[in-house]
Amino acid sequence: MHFTHMSVARKLKFYQLVAFDQVLQSGSLLRAAQALNLTQPAVTKIIHELESYFGAPLLVRSNRGVSATPLGERVARRGKSLLAELRALTDEVNAYQEGTSGHVVVGTLISASSSLLPQALQLLKQRAPKVLVSLRVGQMDQLFPALTVGEVDLVVGRVPDDWRAHRKASQLEVTVLYGEELAIVAGARHPLLRQPRVQLGQLLGCPWVLPTQDSLLRRTVDGLFHEAELPLPGNLVESLSILTNISLMQDQQTVAVMPLEAARQFTEAGLLGILDLGRRLQFGDIGYFRAGNRDLGPAVQLFQRCLEEAGALQHAAPAEPANIP
């Protein structure tokens, strides 16, 4: 069967693409039905309609759930772009009819700034409380493809030094907001906090919490030990869970590496202290990515401005004292 854009326009319905996308996200017809507030037979019927129209299976069903066939992957990829444009159209119509409203989907790298996003969200909600913001946490290899197809509107966090080597880089634009530093942190009563200065080598005997090896922060930490000609600590836990890491450090022995901006919040709360190595530890630039081939809707443009204002506030923040006992 030969398809034309007119035949597809007459037959294909947006709700079918919504259901198909949800099935792939859920990995299950039942979970997709629950998310869509439909019955499983209704979702099954929608998928059968799509498969009948395209004349080929779109899903592979197994005991572990469902996944896309090669044709299904193509339909899903293009469908995401269509759904992103539908969301943008909906937001613009709502903004025109009701004032500023809409839906902003923000991807955030796991090593993202911990106060930039909250500050930007607070600014947004002060100006447009009707805007819904959804946050998606992931790694660069997950978020950049989602950004290019419109699943997310902006990706906020640490700007990787090698991001231009990513296969999606030609479709992305980046705005750098400010530079971030690192801090070596420990529980607020860790004995080494009583020393005015410590050497990295002194900490090798401590239990450590390090980021997982696939994270941007881990690359920076590995470089820190390499520059000091030291091996990585032998007693370590790999974790990107801030709450878990803080709990581990309450033994007053464990140390960890954290973006300085995040560490400030926990030192002020009396949970952590910052160990002074006698020099600033550079982490890198904090900013946001957008897809260069997509127009931003009114709500996303407003959030973009809020990010830039929050970034200016971060850049103007006073330096944190090196050692907080």
C-alpha atoms as a PDB file:
ATOM      1  CA  MET A   1       0.000   0.000   0.000  1.00  0.00           C
ATOM      2  CA  HIS A   2       1.313   3.433  -0.961  1.00  0.00           C
ATOM      3  CA  PHE A   3       0.731   6.200   1.573  1.00  0.00           C
ATOM      4  CA  THR A   4       0.329   9.890   0.874  1.00  0.00           C
ATOM      5  CA  HIS A   5       0.331  12.671   3.428  1.00  0.00           C
ATOM      6  CA  MET A   6      -3.360  13.243   2.677  1.00  0.00           C
ATOM      7  CA  SER A   7      -4.263   9.598   3.238  1.00  0.00           C
ATOM      8  CA  VAL A   8      -2.345   9.583   6.517  1.00  0.00           C
ATOM      9  CA  ALA A   9      -4.011  12.845   7.568  1.00  0.00           C
ATOM     10  CA  ARG A  10      -7.464  11.383   6.931  1.00  0.00           C
ATOM     11  CA  LYS A  11      -6.878   8.087   8.730  1.00  0.00           C
ATOM     12  CA  LEU A  12      -4.378   8.727  11.496  1.00  0.00           C
ATOM     13  CA  LYS A  13      -5.697  10.204  14.733  1.00  0.00           C
ATOM     14  CA  PHE A  14      -3.729  11.948  17.454  1.00  0.00           C
ATOM     15  CA  TYR A  15      -5.285   9.884  20.240  1.00  0.00           C
ATOM     16  CA  GLN A  16      -3.944   6.753  18.521  1.00  0.00           C
ATOM     17  CA  LEU A  17      -0.421   8.173  18.648  1.00  0.00           C
ATOM     18  CA  VAL A  18      -0.938   9.161  22.297  1.00  0.00           C
ATOM     19  CA  ALA A  19      -2.008   5.605  23.162  1.00  0.00           C
ATOM     20  CA  PHE A  20       0.813   4.023  21.159  1.00  0.00           C
ATOM     21  CA  ASP A  21       3.398   6.281  22.824  1.00  0.00           C
ATOM     22  CA  GLN A  22       2.022   5.459  26.286  1.00  0.00           C
ATOM     23  CA  VAL A  23       2.132   1.703  25.579  1.00  0.00           C
ATOM     24  CA  LEU A  24       5.823   1.946  24.679  1.00  0.00           C
ATOM     25  CA  GLN A  25       6.585   4.117  27.718  1.00  0.00           C
ATOM     26  CA  SER A  26       4.733   1.713  30.021  1.00  0.00           C
ATOM     27  CA  GLY A  27       5.952  -1.487  28.384  1.00  0.00           C
ATOM     28  CA  SER A  28       2.511  -2.931  29.021  1.00  0.00           C
ATOM     29  CA  LEU A  29      -0.972  -2.587  27.555  1.00  0.00           C
ATOM     30  CA  LEU A  30      -2.494  -2.825  31.031  1.00  0.00           C
ATOM     31  CA  ARG A  31      -0.268  -0.100  32.538  1.00  0.00           C
ATOM     32  CA  ALA A  32      -0.887   2.095  29.489  1.00  0.00           C
ATOM     33  CA  ALA A  33      -4.636   1.654  29.912  1.00  0.00           C
ATOM     34  CA  GLN A  34      -4.374   2.666  33.565  1.00  0.00           C
ATOM     35  CA  ALA A  35      -2.318   5.759  32.693  1.00  0.00           C
ATOM     36  CA  LEU A  36      -4.802   6.767  29.977  1.00  0.00           C
ATOM     37  CA  ASN A  37      -7.841   5.989  32.150  1.00  0.00           C
ATOM     38  CA  LEU A  38      -9.055   3.488  29.554  1.00  0.00           C
ATOM     39  CA  THR A  39      -9.775  -0.221  29.640  1.00  0.00           C
ATOM     40  CA  GLN A  40      -7.169  -2.647  28.342  1.00  0.00           C
ATOM     41  CA  PRO A  41      -9.489  -3.832  25.515  1.00  0.00           C
ATOM     42  CA  ALA A  42      -9.897  -0.198  24.418  1.00  0.00           C
ATOM     43  CA  VAL A  43      -6.125   0.285  24.205  1.00  0.00           C
ATOM     44  CA  THR A  44      -5.734  -3.046  22.422  1.00  0.00           C
ATOM     45  CA  LYS A  45      -8.345  -1.944  19.880  1.00  0.00           C
ATOM     46  CA  ILE A  46      -6.480   1.327  19.247  1.00  0.00           C
ATOM     47  CA  ILE A  47      -3.226  -0.549  18.611  1.00  0.00           C
ATOM     48  CA  HIS A  48      -5.006  -2.996  16.295  1.00  0.00           C
ATOM     49  CA  GLU A  49      -6.440  -0.040  14.354  1.00  0.00           C
ATOM     50  CA  LEU A  50      -2.961   1.395  13.889  1.00  0.00           C
ATOM     51  CA  GLU A  51      -1.494  -1.947  12.855  1.00  0.00           C
ATOM     52  CA  SER A  52      -4.372  -2.554  10.448  1.00  0.00           C
ATOM     53  CA  TYR A  53      -3.878   0.857   8.874  1.00  0.00           C
ATOM     54  CA  PHE A  54      -0.121   0.451   8.415  1.00  0.00           C
ATOM     55  CA  GLY A  55      -0.562  -3.151   7.333  1.00  0.00           C
ATOM     56  CA  ALA A  56       2.109  -4.528   9.658  1.00  0.00           C
ATOM     57  CA  PRO A  57       2.698  -5.217  13.371  1.00  0.00           C
ATOM     58  CA  LEU A  58       3.908  -2.269  15.420  1.00  0.00           C
ATOM     59  CA  LEU A  59       4.439  -4.140  18.693  1.00  0.00           C
ATOM     60  CA  VAL A  60       6.169  -7.326  19.740  1.00  0.00           C
ATOM     61  CA  ARG A  61       4.418  -8.987  22.668  1.00  0.00           C
ATOM     62  CA  SER A  62       6.307 -11.225  25.094  1.00  0.00           C
ATOM     63  CA  ASN A  63       6.176 -12.387  28.714  1.00  0.00           C
ATOM     64  CA  ARG A  64       8.284  -9.343  29.635  1.00  0.00           C
ATOM     65  CA  GLY A  65       5.859  -6.869  28.077  1.00  0.00           C
ATOM     66  CA  VAL A  66       5.696  -5.123  24.733  1.00  0.00           C
ATOM     67  CA  SER A  67       8.313  -3.441  22.555  1.00  0.00           C
ATOM     68  CA  ALA A  68       8.297  -1.784  19.154  1.00  0.00           C
ATOM     69  CA  THR A  69       8.940  -3.563  15.860  1.00  0.00           C
ATOM     70  CA  PRO A  70      11.269  -1.779  13.394  1.00  0.00           C
ATOM     71  CA  LEU A  71       8.221  -0.144  11.793  1.00  0.00           C
ATOM     72  CA  GLY A  72       6.843   0.631  15.243  1.00  0.00           C
ATOM     73  CA  GLU A  73      10.082   2.420  16.144  1.00  0.00           C
ATOM     74  CA  ARG A  74       9.715   4.666  13.096  1.00  0.00           C
ATOM     75  CA  VAL A  75       6.085   5.444  13.885  1.00  0.00           C
ATOM     76  CA  ALA A  76       6.995   6.128  17.532  1.00  0.00           C
ATOM     77  CA  ARG A  77       9.866   8.464  16.629  1.00  0.00           C
ATOM     78  CA  ARG A  78       7.816  10.573  14.239  1.00  0.00           C
ATOM     79  CA  GLY A  79       4.812  10.358  16.539  1.00  0.00           C
ATOM     80  CA  LYS A  80       6.773  11.960  19.367  1.00  0.00           C
ATOM     81  CA  SER A  81       7.517  14.959  17.164  1.00  0.00           C
ATOM     82  CA  LEU A  82       3.855  15.286  16.183  1.00  0.00           C
ATOM     83  CA  LEU A  83       2.745  15.045  19.815  1.00  0.00           C
ATOM     84  CA  ALA A  84       5.314  17.664  20.820  1.00  0.00           C
ATOM     85  CA  GLU A  85       3.903  20.045  18.217  1.00  0.00           C
ATOM     86  CA  LEU A  86       0.371  19.259  19.409  1.00  0.00           C
ATOM     87  CA  ARG A  87       1.407  20.123  22.969  1.00  0.00           C
ATOM     88  CA  ALA A  88       2.985  23.374  21.738  1.00  0.00           C
ATOM     89  CA  LEU A  89      -0.187  24.252  19.812  1.00  0.00           C
ATOM     90  CA  THR A  90      -2.325  23.525  22.879  1.00  0.00           C
ATOM     91  CA  ASP A  91      -0.100  25.720  25.046  1.00  0.00           C
ATOM     92  CA  GLU A  92      -0.217  28.624  22.601  1.00  0.00           C
ATOM     93  CA  VAL A  93      -4.000  28.464  22.273  1.00  0.00           C
ATOM     94  CA  ASN A  94      -4.378  28.319  26.074  1.00  0.00           C
ATOM     95  CA  ALA A  95      -1.971  31.217  26.498  1.00  0.00           C
ATOM     96  CA  TYR A  96      -3.967  33.245  23.977  1.00  0.00           C
ATOM     97  CA  GLN A  97      -7.347  32.364  25.476  1.00  0.00           C
ATOM     98  CA  GLU A  98      -6.564  32.403  29.193  1.00  0.00           C
ATOM     99  CA  GLY A  99      -3.400  34.372  29.679  1.00  0.00           C
ATOM    100  CA  THR A 100      -0.138  32.628  30.485  1.00  0.00           C
ATOM    101  CA  SER A 101      -0.648  28.913  30.940  1.00  0.00           C
ATOM    102  CA  GLY A 102       0.652  25.709  29.416  1.00  0.00           C
ATOM    103  CA  HIS A 103       2.911  22.767  30.122  1.00  0.00           C
ATOM    104  CA  VAL A 104       6.716  22.813  30.319  1.00  0.00           C
ATOM    105  CA  VAL A 105       8.699  19.573  30.357  1.00  0.00           C
ATOM    106  CA  VAL A 106      12.200  20.047  31.780  1.00  0.00           C
ATOM    107  CA  GLY A 107      14.922  17.445  31.611  1.00  0.00           C
ATOM    108  CA  THR A 108      17.580  17.706  34.265  1.00  0.00           C
ATOM    109  CA  LEU A 109      20.938  15.998  34.325  1.00  0.00           C
ATOM    110  CA  ILE A 110      21.524  14.098  37.550  1.00  0.00           C
ATOM    111  CA  SER A 111      24.461  16.375  38.350  1.00  0.00           C
ATOM    112  CA  ALA A 112      22.297  19.458  37.789  1.00  0.00           C
ATOM    113  CA  SER A 113      22.289  22.468  40.036  1.00  0.00           C
ATOM    114  CA  SER A 114      20.121  21.821  43.071  1.00  0.00           C
ATOM    115  CA  SER A 115      19.022  25.414  43.592  1.00  0.00           C
ATOM    116  CA  LEU A 116      18.912  26.825  40.045  1.00  0.00           C
ATOM    117  CA  LEU A 117      15.826  24.800  39.143  1.00  0.00           C
ATOM    118  CA  PRO A 118      13.901  25.531  42.378  1.00  0.00           C
ATOM    119  CA  GLN A 119      14.630  29.254  42.058  1.00  0.00           C
ATOM    120  CA  ALA A 120      13.564  29.292  38.410  1.00  0.00           C
ATOM    121  CA  LEU A 121      10.398  27.357  39.251  1.00  0.00           C
ATOM    122  CA  GLN A 122       9.539  29.788  42.035  1.00  0.00           C
ATOM    123  CA  LEU A 123       9.946  32.718  39.638  1.00  0.00           C
ATOM    124  CA  LEU A 124       7.762  30.971  37.070  1.00  0.00           C
ATOM    125  CA  LYS A 125       5.010  30.180  39.551  1.00  0.00           C
ATOM    126  CA  GLN A 126       4.966  33.770  40.806  1.00  0.00           C
ATOM    127  CA  ARG A 127       4.282  34.975  37.269  1.00  0.00           C
ATOM    128  CA  ALA A 128       2.253  32.125  35.813  1.00  0.00           C
ATOM    129  CA  PRO A 129       0.819  29.826  38.472  1.00  0.00           C
ATOM    130  CA  LYS A 130      -1.270  27.945  35.889  1.00  0.00           C
ATOM    131  CA  VAL A 131       1.775  26.610  34.048  1.00  0.00           C
ATOM    132  CA  LEU A 132       2.335  22.923  34.744  1.00  0.00           C
ATOM    133  CA  VAL A 133       5.998  21.882  34.944  1.00  0.00           C
ATOM    134  CA  SER A 134       7.079  18.241  34.652  1.00  0.00           C
ATOM    135  CA  LEU A 135      10.655  17.287  35.544  1.00  0.00           C
ATOM    136  CA  ARG A 136      12.471  14.328  34.000  1.00  0.00           C
ATOM    137  CA  VAL A 137      15.778  13.268  35.548  1.00  0.00           C
ATOM    138  CA  GLY A 138      18.282  11.360  33.436  1.00  0.00           C
ATOM    139  CA  GLN A 139      21.663  11.283  31.773  1.00  0.00           C
ATOM    140  CA  MET A 140      22.777  13.122  28.656  1.00  0.00           C
ATOM    141  CA  ASP A 141      22.334  10.073  26.392  1.00  0.00           C
ATOM    142  CA  GLN A 142      18.698   9.815  27.496  1.00  0.00           C
ATOM    143  CA  LEU A 143      17.725  13.480  27.564  1.00  0.00           C
ATOM    144  CA  PHE A 144      19.341  14.810  24.401  1.00  0.00           C
ATOM    145  CA  PRO A 145      17.360  12.501  22.053  1.00  0.00           C
ATOM    146  CA  ALA A 146      14.185  13.348  24.000  1.00  0.00           C
ATOM    147  CA  LEU A 147      14.967  17.041  23.522  1.00  0.00           C
ATOM    148  CA  THR A 148      15.411  16.776  19.760  1.00  0.00           C
ATOM    149  CA  VAL A 149      12.059  15.039  19.234  1.00  0.00           C
ATOM    150  CA  GLY A 150      10.187  17.370  21.577  1.00  0.00           C
ATOM    151  CA  GLU A 151       9.555  15.046  24.507  1.00  0.00           C
ATOM    152  CA  VAL A 152      11.265  17.638  26.709  1.00  0.00           C
ATOM    153  CA  ASP A 153      11.475  21.389  26.090  1.00  0.00           C
ATOM    154  CA  LEU A 154      14.740  22.229  27.870  1.00  0.00           C
ATOM    155  CA  VAL A 155      17.532  20.243  29.512  1.00  0.00           C
ATOM    156  CA  VAL A 156      19.060  21.981  32.527  1.00  0.00           C
ATOM    157  CA  GLY A 157      22.274  21.123  34.336  1.00  0.00           C
ATOM    158  CA  ARG A 158      26.016  20.776  33.958  1.00  0.00           C
ATOM    159  CA  VAL A 159      27.151  21.460  30.388  1.00  0.00           C
ATOM    160  CA  PRO A 160      29.351  18.484  29.448  1.00  0.00           C
ATOM    161  CA  ASP A 161      32.779  19.449  28.142  1.00  0.00           C
ATOM    162  CA  ASP A 162      32.358  17.004  25.263  1.00  0.00           C
ATOM    163  CA  TRP A 163      28.713  17.661  24.443  1.00  0.00           C
ATOM    164  CA  ARG A 164      29.581  18.700  20.867  1.00  0.00           C
ATOM    165  CA  ALA A 165      30.711  15.138  20.222  1.00  0.00           C
ATOM    166  CA  HIS A 166      27.229  13.817  20.975  1.00  0.00           C
ATOM    167  CA  ARG A 167      25.415  12.510  17.898  1.00  0.00           C
ATOM    168  CA  LYS A 168      22.532  14.944  18.497  1.00  0.00           C
ATOM    169  CA  ALA A 169      24.803  17.988  19.034  1.00  0.00           C
ATOM    170  CA  SER A 170      24.101  19.543  15.626  1.00  0.00           C
ATOM    171  CA  GLN A 171      20.430  19.868  16.601  1.00  0.00           C
ATOM    172  CA  LEU A 172      21.095  21.507  19.970  1.00  0.00           C
ATOM    173  CA  GLU A 173      21.801  24.998  21.263  1.00  0.00           C
ATOM    174  CA  VAL A 174      23.276  25.725  24.697  1.00  0.00           C
ATOM    175  CA  THR A 175      23.089  28.748  26.984  1.00  0.00           C
ATOM    176  CA  VAL A 176      25.685  28.893  29.777  1.00  0.00           C
ATOM    177  CA  LEU A 177      24.425  30.612  32.922  1.00  0.00           C
ATOM    178  CA  TYR A 178      27.363  30.431  35.358  1.00  0.00           C
ATOM    179  CA  GLY A 179      30.313  28.330  36.490  1.00  0.00           C
ATOM    180  CA  GLU A 180      29.920  25.823  39.324  1.00  0.00           C
ATOM    181  CA  GLU A 181      32.465  24.554  41.869  1.00  0.00           C
ATOM    182  CA  LEU A 182      32.790  21.290  43.777  1.00  0.00           C
ATOM    183  CA  ALA A 183      33.020  20.690  47.500  1.00  0.00           C
ATOM    184  CA  ILE A 184      34.403  17.786  49.517  1.00  0.00           C
ATOM    185  CA  VAL A 185      31.790  17.261  52.211  1.00  0.00           C
ATOM    186  CA  ALA A 186      31.341  15.204  55.359  1.00  0.00           C
ATOM    187  CA  GLY A 187      28.949  14.926  58.281  1.00  0.00           C
ATOM    188  CA  ALA A 188      28.824  18.123  60.335  1.00  0.00           C
ATOM    189  CA  ARG A 189      30.821  16.506  63.199  1.00  0.00           C
ATOM    190  CA  HIS A 190      33.490  14.800  61.112  1.00  0.00           C
ATOM    191  CA  PRO A 191      36.813  15.166  63.015  1.00  0.00           C
ATOM    192  CA  LEU A 192      38.699  16.495  59.974  1.00  0.00           C
ATOM    193  CA  LEU A 193      36.422  19.539  59.852  1.00  0.00           C
ATOM    194  CA  ARG A 194      38.291  20.841  62.892  1.00  0.00           C
ATOM    195  CA  GLN A 195      41.445  21.171  60.791  1.00  0.00           C
ATOM    196  CA  PRO A 196      41.905  24.462  58.920  1.00  0.00           C
ATOM    197  CA  ARG A 197      43.190  22.602  55.852  1.00  0.00           C
ATOM    198  CA  VAL A 198      43.252  18.983  54.699  1.00  0.00           C
ATOM    199  CA  GLN A 199      45.028  17.217  51.871  1.00  0.00           C
ATOM    200  CA  LEU A 200      43.193  14.912  49.502  1.00  0.00           C
ATOM    201  CA  GLY A 201      45.615  12.149  50.483  1.00  0.00           C
ATOM    202  CA  GLN A 202      44.452  12.404  54.105  1.00  0.00           C
ATOM    203  CA  LEU A 203      40.973  11.386  53.005  1.00  0.00           C
ATOM    204  CA  LEU A 204      41.931   8.150  51.276  1.00  0.00           C
ATOM    205  CA  GLY A 205      41.479   6.227  54.523  1.00  0.00           C
ATOM    206  CA  CYS A 206      37.890   7.467  54.906  1.00  0.00           C
ATOM    207  CA  PRO A 207      34.847   5.702  53.493  1.00  0.00           C
ATOM    208  CA  TRP A 208      33.786   7.573  50.339  1.00  0.00           C
ATOM    209  CA  VAL A 209      30.604   8.077  48.366  1.00  0.00           C
ATOM    210  CA  LEU A 210      31.376   8.721  44.702  1.00  0.00           C
ATOM    211  CA  PRO A 211      29.029   9.318  41.758  1.00  0.00           C
ATOM    212  CA  THR A 212      28.343   6.381  39.460  1.00  0.00           C
ATOM    213  CA  GLN A 213      30.842   5.876  36.657  1.00  0.00           C
ATOM    214  CA  ASP A 214      28.437   6.945  33.908  1.00  0.00           C
ATOM    215  CA  SER A 215      27.843  10.411  35.390  1.00  0.00           C
ATOM    216  CA  LEU A 216      29.484  13.705  34.458  1.00  0.00           C
ATOM    217  CA  LEU A 217      30.351  14.373  38.089  1.00  0.00           C
ATOM    218  CA  ARG A 218      32.308  11.111  38.308  1.00  0.00           C
ATOM    219  CA  ARG A 219      34.530  12.130  35.386  1.00  0.00           C
ATOM    220  CA  THR A 220      35.380  15.342  37.221  1.00  0.00           C
ATOM    221  CA  VAL A 221      36.086  13.487  40.476  1.00  0.00           C
ATOM    222  CA  ASP A 222      38.303  10.929  38.726  1.00  0.00           C
ATOM    223  CA  GLY A 223      40.267  13.828  37.251  1.00  0.00           C
ATOM    224  CA  LEU A 224      40.713  15.317  40.713  1.00  0.00           C
ATOM    225  CA  PHE A 225      42.428  12.163  42.002  1.00  0.00           C
ATOM    226  CA  HIS A 226      44.420  11.781  38.799  1.00  0.00           C
ATOM    227  CA  GLU A 227      45.797  15.339  39.056  1.00  0.00           C
ATOM    228  CA  ALA A 228      46.860  14.629  42.656  1.00  0.00           C
ATOM    229  CA  GLU A 229      48.536  11.374  41.493  1.00  0.00           C
ATOM    230  CA  LEU A 230      46.384   9.415  43.919  1.00  0.00           C
ATOM    231  CA  PRO A 231      44.408   6.209  43.455  1.00  0.00           C
ATOM    232  CA  LEU A 232      40.672   6.215  43.911  1.00  0.00           C
ATOM    233  CA  PRO A 233      39.563   5.387  47.475  1.00  0.00           C
ATOM    234  CA  GLY A 234      39.368   1.672  48.159  1.00  0.00           C
ATOM    235  CA  ASN A 235      36.377   1.910  50.490  1.00  0.00           C
ATOM    236  CA  LEU A 236      33.596   3.459  48.477  1.00  0.00           C
ATOM    237  CA  VAL A 237      29.939   3.390  47.578  1.00  0.00           C
ATOM    238  CA  GLU A 238      28.751   4.613  44.166  1.00  0.00           C
ATOM    239  CA  SER A 239      25.535   6.597  44.427  1.00  0.00           C
ATOM    240  CA  LEU A 240      23.708   9.524  42.843  1.00  0.00           C
ATOM    241  CA  SER A 241      21.035   9.645  45.549  1.00  0.00           C
ATOM    242  CA  ILE A 242      21.583  12.814  47.563  1.00  0.00           C
ATOM    243  CA  LEU A 243      19.404  11.619  50.444  1.00  0.00           C
ATOM    244  CA  THR A 244      21.265   8.296  50.643  1.00  0.00           C
ATOM    245  CA  ASN A 245      24.623  10.055  50.501  1.00  0.00           C
ATOM    246  CA  ILE A 246      23.735  12.476  53.281  1.00  0.00           C
ATOM    247  CA  SER A 247      22.518   9.603  55.437  1.00  0.00           C
ATOM    248  CA  LEU A 248      25.784   7.712  54.892  1.00  0.00           C
ATOM    249  CA  MET A 249      27.780  10.784  55.939  1.00  0.00           C
ATOM    250  CA  GLN A 250      25.974  10.954  59.261  1.00  0.00           C
ATOM    251  CA  ASP A 251      28.389   8.274  60.530  1.00  0.00           C
ATOM    252  CA  GLN A 252      30.860  11.208  60.800  1.00  0.00           C
ATOM    253  CA  GLN A 253      33.449   9.163  58.892  1.00  0.00           C
ATOM    254  CA  THR A 254      32.227   9.062  55.292  1.00  0.00           C
ATOM    255  CA  VAL A 255      33.110  11.854  52.851  1.00  0.00           C
ATOM    256  CA  ALA A 256      31.709  12.666  49.435  1.00  0.00           C
ATOM    257  CA  VAL A 257      31.914  15.106  46.538  1.00  0.00           C
ATOM    258  CA  MET A 258      29.009  17.437  45.846  1.00  0.00           C
ATOM    259  CA  PRO A 259      28.431  20.561  43.745  1.00  0.00           C
ATOM    260  CA  LEU A 260      29.125  23.530  46.004  1.00  0.00           C
ATOM    261  CA  GLU A 261      25.714  25.010  45.376  1.00  0.00           C
ATOM    262  CA  ALA A 262      24.046  21.846  46.676  1.00  0.00           C
ATOM    263  CA  ALA A 263      26.444  21.582  49.619  1.00  0.00           C
ATOM    264  CA  ARG A 264      25.520  25.100  50.774  1.00  0.00           C
ATOM    265  CA  GLN A 265      21.955  24.040  51.472  1.00  0.00           C
ATOM    266  CA  PHE A 266      22.991  21.126  53.681  1.00  0.00           C
ATOM    267  CA  THR A 267      25.681  23.034  55.552  1.00  0.00           C
ATOM    268  CA  GLU A 268      23.116  25.716  56.381  1.00  0.00           C
ATOM    269  CA  ALA A 269      20.809  22.977  57.651  1.00  0.00           C
ATOM    270  CA  GLY A 270      23.573  21.670  59.938  1.00  0.00           C
ATOM    271  CA  LEU A 271      23.818  18.266  58.222  1.00  0.00           C
ATOM    272  CA  LEU A 272      27.165  18.637  56.445  1.00  0.00           C
ATOM    273  CA  GLY A 273      30.433  20.516  56.604  1.00  0.00           C
ATOM    274  CA  ILE A 274      32.810  21.447  53.787  1.00  0.00           C
ATOM    275  CA  LEU A 275      36.422  20.298  53.997  1.00  0.00           C
ATOM    276  CA  ASP A 276      38.955  22.931  52.936  1.00  0.00           C
ATOM    277  CA  LEU A 277      41.521  21.618  50.451  1.00  0.00           C
ATOM    278  CA  GLY A 278      43.086  25.054  50.121  1.00  0.00           C
ATOM    279  CA  ARG A 279      41.925  25.630  46.567  1.00  0.00           C
ATOM    280  CA  ARG A 280      38.779  25.947  44.498  1.00  0.00           C
ATOM    281  CA  LEU A 281      37.600  22.786  42.773  1.00  0.00           C
ATOM    282  CA  GLN A 282      36.073  23.565  39.410  1.00  0.00           C
ATOM    283  CA  PHE A 283      33.081  21.507  38.306  1.00  0.00           C
ATOM    284  CA  GLY A 284      32.114  23.239  35.063  1.00  0.00           C
ATOM    285  CA  ASP A 285      29.434  25.365  33.469  1.00  0.00           C
ATOM    286  CA  ILE A 286      25.765  25.209  34.421  1.00  0.00           C
ATOM    287  CA  GLY A 287      23.238  26.062  31.740  1.00  0.00           C
ATOM    288  CA  TYR A 288      20.435  24.729  29.595  1.00  0.00           C
ATOM    289  CA  PHE A 289      20.026  23.092  26.201  1.00  0.00           C
ATOM    290  CA  ARG A 290      17.206  23.549  23.716  1.00  0.00           C
ATOM    291  CA  ALA A 291      16.484  22.047  20.301  1.00  0.00           C
ATOM    292  CA  GLY A 292      17.628  24.508  17.653  1.00  0.00           C
ATOM    293  CA  ASN A 293      15.008  23.382  15.160  1.00  0.00           C
ATOM    294  CA  ARG A 294      12.001  23.954  17.421  1.00  0.00           C
ATOM    295  CA  ASP A 295      10.113  27.103  18.325  1.00  0.00           C
ATOM    296  CA  LEU A 296       9.524  27.481  22.042  1.00  0.00           C
ATOM    297  CA  GLY A 297       5.941  27.994  23.207  1.00  0.00           C
ATOM    298  CA  PRO A 298       4.983  30.953  25.415  1.00  0.00           C
ATOM    299  CA  ALA A 299       5.221  28.983  28.671  1.00  0.00           C
ATOM    300  CA  VAL A 300       8.649  27.593  27.772  1.00  0.00           C
ATOM    301  CA  GLN A 301       9.891  31.045  26.770  1.00  0.00           C
ATOM    302  CA  LEU A 302       8.768  32.384  30.136  1.00  0.00           C
ATOM    303  CA  PHE A 303      10.523  29.569  31.966  1.00  0.00           C
ATOM    304  CA  GLN A 304      13.633  30.226  29.879  1.00  0.00           C
ATOM    305  CA  ARG A 305      13.663  33.818  31.126  1.00  0.00           C
ATOM    306  CA  CYS A 306      13.147  32.599  34.699  1.00  0.00           C
ATOM    307  CA  LEU A 307      16.146  30.264  34.332  1.00  0.00           C
ATOM    308  CA  GLU A 308      18.322  33.125  33.143  1.00  0.00           C
ATOM    309  CA  GLU A 309      17.218  35.352  36.023  1.00  0.00           C
ATOM    310  CA  ALA A 310      17.858  32.557  38.531  1.00  0.00           C
ATOM    311  CA  GLY A 311      21.254  31.939  36.923  1.00  0.00           C
ATOM    312  CA  ALA A 312      22.154  35.628  37.337  1.00  0.00           C
ATOM    313  CA  LEU A 313      21.229  35.375  41.030  1.00  0.00           C
ATOM    314  CA  GLN A 314      23.435  32.280  41.405  1.00  0.00           C
ATOM    315  CA  HIS A 315      26.353  34.038  39.730  1.00  0.00           C
ATOM    316  CA  ALA A 316      25.979  36.961  42.124  1.00  0.00           C
ATOM    317  CA  ALA A 317      25.797  34.719  45.237  1.00  0.00           C
ATOM    318  CA  PRO A 318      28.602  35.254  47.771  1.00  0.00           C
ATOM    319  CA  ALA A 319      31.321  32.620  47.999  1.00  0.00           C
ATOM    320  CA  GLU A 320      30.791  29.914  50.582  1.00  0.00           C
ATOM    321  CA  PRO A 321      33.260  29.812  53.482  1.00  0.00           C
ATOM    322  CA  ALA A 322      35.660  26.968  52.834  1.00  0.00           C
ATOM    323  CA  ASN A 323      35.271  25.224  56.190  1.00  0.00           C
ATOM    324  CA  ILE A 324      32.064  25.025  58.204  1.00  0.00           C
ATOM    325  CA  PRO A 325      32.601  23.146  61.469  1.00  0.00           C
END
